[in-house]
Amino acid sequence: MLDWFQLANNKENKTIQLRRYLHQYPELSFEEFQTHDYIVNQLSQLSCDIETPIGLHGIKATFKGSGDGHTIALRADFDALPVEELNDVPYKSKNPGCMHACGHDGHTAILLTV
């Protein structure tokens, strides 16, 4: 049986690294040029088919299993908000007046490591 807790622990450092990078470089909706490229670069290191752009900056990654079974879809937003970050953390937003304040950086990092 698959040990989901161990699997999550194995991905923890990579997820944190991705989330902190995305948090440092937020981009507003319809302006996610660098974020798009970063995500595509991360996906290109995995065994998946990448389709982009979908809309303006959307990305579709298809992972094919080895057997028959159900299909699932997972999605995440990766736009940020026009908010000045006041947090004093090493991964603070480097883009003035823009930050990930509602978790999209975390959602995207999680999907990149699922």
N, C-alpha and C. Protein backbone atom coordinates (compact mmCIF):
# COMPACT_ATOMS: atom_id res chain seq x y z
N MET A 1 0.84 -1.18 0.00
CA MET A 1 0.00 0.00 0.00
C MET A 1 0.89 1.25 0.00
N LEU A 2 0.46 2.27 -0.73
CA LEU A 2 1.21 3.51 -0.85
C LEU A 2 1.16 4.29 0.46
N ASP A 3 2.30 4.73 0.93
CA ASP A 3 2.38 5.53 2.15
C ASP A 3 2.33 7.01 1.76
N TRP A 4 1.13 7.59 1.78
CA TRP A 4 0.93 8.97 1.36
C TRP A 4 1.70 9.95 2.23
N PHE A 5 1.81 9.67 3.52
CA PHE A 5 2.54 10.56 4.42
C PHE A 5 4.02 10.60 4.03
N GLN A 6 4.60 9.46 3.74
CA GLN A 6 6.01 9.41 3.33
C GLN A 6 6.20 10.10 1.98
N LEU A 7 5.27 9.88 1.07
CA LEU A 7 5.34 10.52 -0.24
C LEU A 7 5.32 12.04 -0.09
N ALA A 8 4.45 12.56 0.76
CA ALA A 8 4.38 14.01 1.00
C ALA A 8 5.67 14.52 1.63
N ASN A 9 6.21 13.78 2.58
CA ASN A 9 7.48 14.18 3.20
C ASN A 9 8.61 14.25 2.18
N ASN A 10 8.63 13.32 1.24
CA ASN A 10 9.66 13.30 0.22
C ASN A 10 9.58 14.52 -0.70
N LYS A 11 8.41 15.09 -0.85
CA LYS A 11 8.20 16.23 -1.75
C LYS A 11 8.24 17.58 -1.02
N GLU A 12 8.33 17.56 0.29
CA GLU A 12 8.19 18.79 1.08
C GLU A 12 9.21 19.86 0.70
N ASN A 13 10.49 19.52 0.65
CA ASN A 13 11.51 20.53 0.37
C ASN A 13 11.33 21.15 -1.02
N LYS A 14 11.04 20.32 -2.01
CA LYS A 14 10.83 20.83 -3.37
C LYS A 14 9.61 21.74 -3.42
N THR A 15 8.54 21.36 -2.74
CA THR A 15 7.32 22.18 -2.72
C THR A 15 7.60 23.53 -2.08
N ILE A 16 8.32 23.53 -0.97
CA ILE A 16 8.66 24.79 -0.29
C ILE A 16 9.53 25.66 -1.19
N GLN A 17 10.52 25.05 -1.85
CA GLN A 17 11.40 25.80 -2.75
C GLN A 17 10.60 26.46 -3.88
N LEU A 18 9.72 25.71 -4.52
CA LEU A 18 8.90 26.25 -5.60
C LEU A 18 7.99 27.36 -5.10
N ARG A 19 7.34 27.13 -3.97
CA ARG A 19 6.41 28.12 -3.43
C ARG A 19 7.13 29.42 -3.09
N ARG A 20 8.30 29.34 -2.49
CA ARG A 20 9.04 30.55 -2.12
C ARG A 20 9.52 31.31 -3.35
N TYR A 21 9.93 30.59 -4.38
CA TYR A 21 10.32 31.27 -5.62
C TYR A 21 9.11 32.01 -6.21
N LEU A 22 8.01 31.30 -6.35
CA LEU A 22 6.80 31.93 -6.90
C LEU A 22 6.36 33.11 -6.05
N HIS A 23 6.50 33.00 -4.74
CA HIS A 23 6.10 34.08 -3.84
C HIS A 23 6.96 35.33 -4.05
N GLN A 24 8.23 35.14 -4.36
CA GLN A 24 9.14 36.28 -4.56
C GLN A 24 8.88 37.03 -5.86
N TYR A 25 8.30 36.36 -6.83
CA TYR A 25 8.13 36.97 -8.15
C TYR A 25 6.67 36.94 -8.60
N PRO A 26 5.79 37.58 -7.84
CA PRO A 26 4.37 37.57 -8.20
C PRO A 26 4.10 38.44 -9.42
N GLU A 27 3.08 38.08 -10.17
CA GLU A 27 2.64 38.87 -11.31
C GLU A 27 1.12 38.93 -11.30
N LEU A 28 0.61 40.10 -11.64
CA LEU A 28 -0.84 40.31 -11.65
C LEU A 28 -1.50 39.52 -12.77
N SER A 29 -2.80 39.35 -12.64
CA SER A 29 -3.58 38.65 -13.64
C SER A 29 -3.38 39.27 -15.02
N PHE A 30 -3.23 38.45 -16.02
CA PHE A 30 -2.97 38.82 -17.41
C PHE A 30 -1.56 39.36 -17.63
N GLU A 31 -0.70 39.32 -16.60
CA GLU A 31 0.69 39.77 -16.72
C GLU A 31 1.67 38.68 -16.27
N GLU A 32 1.24 37.43 -16.27
CA GLU A 32 2.04 36.33 -15.70
C GLU A 32 3.06 35.77 -16.69
N PHE A 33 3.83 36.63 -17.33
CA PHE A 33 4.78 36.20 -18.35
C PHE A 33 5.89 35.33 -17.75
N GLN A 34 6.59 35.83 -16.73
CA GLN A 34 7.70 35.08 -16.12
C GLN A 34 7.19 33.86 -15.36
N THR A 35 6.04 34.01 -14.70
CA THR A 35 5.47 32.88 -13.97
C THR A 35 5.13 31.74 -14.92
N HIS A 36 4.53 32.08 -16.04
CA HIS A 36 4.20 31.09 -17.07
C HIS A 36 5.46 30.35 -17.50
N ASP A 37 6.50 31.09 -17.83
CA ASP A 37 7.73 30.47 -18.31
C ASP A 37 8.38 29.60 -17.23
N TYR A 38 8.33 30.04 -15.99
CA TYR A 38 8.89 29.27 -14.88
C TYR A 38 8.16 27.94 -14.73
N ILE A 39 6.84 27.99 -14.77
CA ILE A 39 6.04 26.77 -14.62
C ILE A 39 6.29 25.82 -15.79
N VAL A 40 6.32 26.34 -17.01
CA VAL A 40 6.59 25.49 -18.17
C VAL A 40 7.97 24.85 -18.04
N ASN A 41 8.96 25.60 -17.57
CA ASN A 41 10.30 25.05 -17.36
C ASN A 41 10.27 23.91 -16.34
N GLN A 42 9.55 24.10 -15.25
CA GLN A 42 9.44 23.05 -14.24
C GLN A 42 8.74 21.81 -14.81
N LEU A 43 7.67 22.03 -15.56
CA LEU A 43 6.93 20.90 -16.15
C LEU A 43 7.77 20.16 -17.19
N SER A 44 8.63 20.89 -17.91
CA SER A 44 9.44 20.25 -18.95
C SER A 44 10.44 19.25 -18.37
N GLN A 45 10.66 19.30 -17.07
CA GLN A 45 11.55 18.35 -16.40
C GLN A 45 10.81 17.07 -15.98
N LEU A 46 9.51 17.04 -16.23
CA LEU A 46 8.68 15.90 -15.85
C LEU A 46 8.22 15.15 -17.11
N SER A 47 7.69 13.99 -16.93
CA SER A 47 7.18 13.19 -18.05
C SER A 47 5.73 13.55 -18.32
N CYS A 48 5.54 14.63 -19.07
CA CYS A 48 4.18 15.06 -19.38
C CYS A 48 4.16 15.76 -20.73
N ASP A 49 2.97 15.85 -21.30
CA ASP A 49 2.75 16.63 -22.51
C ASP A 49 2.28 18.01 -22.08
N ILE A 50 2.92 19.05 -22.62
CA ILE A 50 2.61 20.42 -22.23
C ILE A 50 1.94 21.12 -23.40
N GLU A 51 0.82 21.76 -23.12
CA GLU A 51 0.10 22.55 -24.12
C GLU A 51 0.00 23.98 -23.60
N THR A 52 0.52 24.92 -24.37
CA THR A 52 0.49 26.31 -23.96
C THR A 52 0.69 27.21 -25.17
N PRO A 53 0.17 28.40 -25.21
CA PRO A 53 -0.70 28.96 -24.18
C PRO A 53 -2.13 28.51 -24.37
N ILE A 54 -2.82 28.44 -23.29
CA ILE A 54 -4.27 28.25 -23.29
C ILE A 54 -4.82 29.57 -22.79
N GLY A 55 -5.55 30.26 -23.66
CA GLY A 55 -5.90 31.63 -23.32
C GLY A 55 -4.63 32.45 -23.44
N LEU A 56 -4.41 33.33 -22.49
CA LEU A 56 -3.23 34.19 -22.54
C LEU A 56 -1.99 33.52 -21.96
N HIS A 57 -2.11 32.99 -20.74
CA HIS A 57 -0.95 32.38 -20.08
C HIS A 57 -1.24 31.00 -19.50
N GLY A 58 -2.36 30.41 -19.86
CA GLY A 58 -2.73 29.12 -19.31
C GLY A 58 -1.81 28.00 -19.78
N ILE A 59 -1.72 26.98 -18.97
CA ILE A 59 -0.86 25.83 -19.26
C ILE A 59 -1.66 24.56 -18.97
N LYS A 60 -1.54 23.60 -19.87
CA LYS A 60 -2.16 22.29 -19.64
C LYS A 60 -1.05 21.24 -19.70
N ALA A 61 -0.92 20.48 -18.64
CA ALA A 61 0.06 19.39 -18.60
C ALA A 61 -0.70 18.09 -18.45
N THR A 62 -0.43 17.14 -19.35
CA THR A 62 -1.11 15.86 -19.31
C THR A 62 -0.11 14.77 -18.95
N PHE A 63 -0.42 14.07 -17.87
CA PHE A 63 0.39 12.95 -17.41
C PHE A 63 -0.38 11.67 -17.72
N LYS A 64 0.24 10.76 -18.44
CA LYS A 64 -0.45 9.53 -18.83
C LYS A 64 0.04 8.37 -17.98
N GLY A 65 -0.90 7.68 -17.37
CA GLY A 65 -0.57 6.51 -16.58
C GLY A 65 -0.30 5.31 -17.45
N SER A 66 0.13 4.24 -16.83
CA SER A 66 0.49 3.04 -17.58
C SER A 66 -0.67 2.05 -17.73
N GLY A 67 -1.76 2.31 -17.05
CA GLY A 67 -2.87 1.36 -17.12
C GLY A 67 -4.19 2.05 -17.38
N ASP A 68 -5.22 1.23 -17.43
CA ASP A 68 -6.57 1.76 -17.58
C ASP A 68 -7.03 2.32 -16.24
N GLY A 69 -7.93 3.24 -16.31
CA GLY A 69 -8.45 3.78 -15.06
C GLY A 69 -9.09 5.13 -15.30
N HIS A 70 -9.46 5.73 -14.23
CA HIS A 70 -10.13 7.02 -14.29
C HIS A 70 -9.14 8.13 -14.62
N THR A 71 -9.69 9.22 -15.11
CA THR A 71 -8.92 10.43 -15.38
C THR A 71 -9.31 11.47 -14.34
N ILE A 72 -8.32 12.17 -13.84
CA ILE A 72 -8.61 13.26 -12.91
C ILE A 72 -8.00 14.55 -13.46
N ALA A 73 -8.56 15.66 -13.06
CA ALA A 73 -8.04 16.97 -13.45
C ALA A 73 -7.74 17.76 -12.18
N LEU A 74 -6.61 18.42 -12.20
CA LEU A 74 -6.21 19.30 -11.11
C LEU A 74 -5.88 20.64 -11.72
N ARG A 75 -6.20 21.72 -11.01
CA ARG A 75 -5.91 23.05 -11.55
C ARG A 75 -5.49 23.99 -10.44
N ALA A 76 -4.78 25.03 -10.84
CA ALA A 76 -4.38 26.07 -9.90
C ALA A 76 -4.27 27.39 -10.65
N ASP A 77 -4.59 28.45 -9.96
CA ASP A 77 -4.36 29.80 -10.48
C ASP A 77 -2.94 30.20 -10.10
N PHE A 78 -2.35 31.13 -10.86
CA PHE A 78 -1.02 31.59 -10.44
C PHE A 78 -0.87 33.09 -10.55
N ASP A 79 -1.99 33.82 -10.57
CA ASP A 79 -1.91 35.27 -10.55
C ASP A 79 -1.81 35.77 -9.11
N ALA A 80 -1.25 36.97 -8.96
CA ALA A 80 -1.08 37.59 -7.65
C ALA A 80 -2.04 38.76 -7.51
N LEU A 81 -1.96 39.43 -6.39
CA LEU A 81 -2.85 40.56 -6.10
C LEU A 81 -2.07 41.86 -6.03
N PRO A 82 -2.74 43.00 -6.33
CA PRO A 82 -2.07 44.30 -6.23
C PRO A 82 -2.03 44.78 -4.77
N VAL A 83 -1.21 44.11 -3.98
CA VAL A 83 -1.09 44.38 -2.55
C VAL A 83 0.39 44.49 -2.22
N GLU A 84 0.76 45.47 -1.43
CA GLU A 84 2.15 45.60 -0.98
C GLU A 84 2.42 44.60 0.13
N GLU A 85 3.46 43.80 -0.02
CA GLU A 85 3.78 42.82 1.02
C GLU A 85 4.55 43.50 2.15
N LEU A 86 4.06 43.32 3.37
CA LEU A 86 4.69 43.89 4.55
C LEU A 86 5.43 42.84 5.37
N ASN A 87 5.29 41.58 5.01
CA ASN A 87 5.97 40.51 5.74
C ASN A 87 7.48 40.66 5.62
N ASP A 88 8.18 40.39 6.69
CA ASP A 88 9.64 40.45 6.69
C ASP A 88 10.19 39.02 6.69
N VAL A 89 10.18 38.41 5.51
CA VAL A 89 10.67 37.05 5.35
C VAL A 89 11.68 37.03 4.19
N PRO A 90 12.59 36.08 4.17
CA PRO A 90 13.59 36.03 3.10
C PRO A 90 13.00 35.89 1.70
N TYR A 91 11.80 35.33 1.59
CA TYR A 91 11.16 35.12 0.29
C TYR A 91 10.07 36.16 0.02
N LYS A 92 10.21 37.34 0.62
CA LYS A 92 9.27 38.44 0.43
C LYS A 92 9.20 38.83 -1.05
N SER A 93 8.04 39.30 -1.48
CA SER A 93 7.85 39.73 -2.86
C SER A 93 8.91 40.75 -3.27
N LYS A 94 9.49 40.54 -4.44
CA LYS A 94 10.47 41.47 -4.99
C LYS A 94 9.83 42.41 -6.00
N ASN A 95 8.52 42.29 -6.18
CA ASN A 95 7.79 43.15 -7.10
C ASN A 95 6.92 44.11 -6.29
N PRO A 96 7.33 45.37 -6.19
CA PRO A 96 6.59 46.34 -5.37
C PRO A 96 5.11 46.42 -5.76
N GLY A 97 4.26 46.47 -4.75
CA GLY A 97 2.83 46.61 -4.97
C GLY A 97 2.14 45.36 -5.47
N CYS A 98 2.81 44.22 -5.36
CA CYS A 98 2.25 42.97 -5.87
C CYS A 98 2.71 41.83 -4.98
N MET A 99 1.77 40.96 -4.60
CA MET A 99 2.15 39.81 -3.78
C MET A 99 1.15 38.67 -3.93
N HIS A 100 1.59 37.49 -3.56
CA HIS A 100 0.70 36.35 -3.46
C HIS A 100 0.11 36.40 -2.05
N ALA A 101 -1.13 36.84 -1.96
CA ALA A 101 -1.77 37.02 -0.65
C ALA A 101 -2.92 36.04 -0.43
N CYS A 102 -3.18 35.18 -1.40
CA CYS A 102 -4.32 34.27 -1.23
C CYS A 102 -3.98 32.82 -1.55
N GLY A 103 -2.69 32.49 -1.64
CA GLY A 103 -2.31 31.10 -1.75
C GLY A 103 -2.05 30.53 -3.13
N HIS A 104 -2.16 31.34 -4.17
CA HIS A 104 -1.94 30.79 -5.51
C HIS A 104 -0.53 30.27 -5.69
N ASP A 105 0.45 30.89 -5.02
CA ASP A 105 1.82 30.38 -5.10
C ASP A 105 1.91 28.98 -4.49
N GLY A 106 1.24 28.78 -3.39
CA GLY A 106 1.23 27.46 -2.75
C GLY A 106 0.49 26.43 -3.56
N HIS A 107 -0.66 26.81 -4.12
CA HIS A 107 -1.44 25.87 -4.93
C HIS A 107 -0.61 25.40 -6.14
N THR A 108 0.06 26.34 -6.79
CA THR A 108 0.86 26.00 -7.96
C THR A 108 2.04 25.11 -7.58
N ALA A 109 2.72 25.44 -6.49
CA ALA A 109 3.85 24.62 -6.02
C ALA A 109 3.40 23.20 -5.71
N ILE A 110 2.26 23.07 -5.09
CA ILE A 110 1.74 21.74 -4.76
C ILE A 110 1.46 20.94 -6.03
N LEU A 111 0.81 21.57 -7.01
CA LEU A 111 0.51 20.84 -8.25
C LEU A 111 1.78 20.44 -9.00
N LEU A 112 2.83 21.24 -8.89
CA LEU A 112 4.08 20.90 -9.56
C LEU A 112 4.81 19.74 -8.89
N THR A 113 4.41 19.40 -7.68
CA THR A 113 5.09 18.31 -6.98
C THR A 113 4.18 17.13 -6.65
N VAL A 114 2.93 17.20 -7.07
CA VAL A 114 2.01 16.08 -6.79
C VAL A 114 2.47 14.84 -7.54
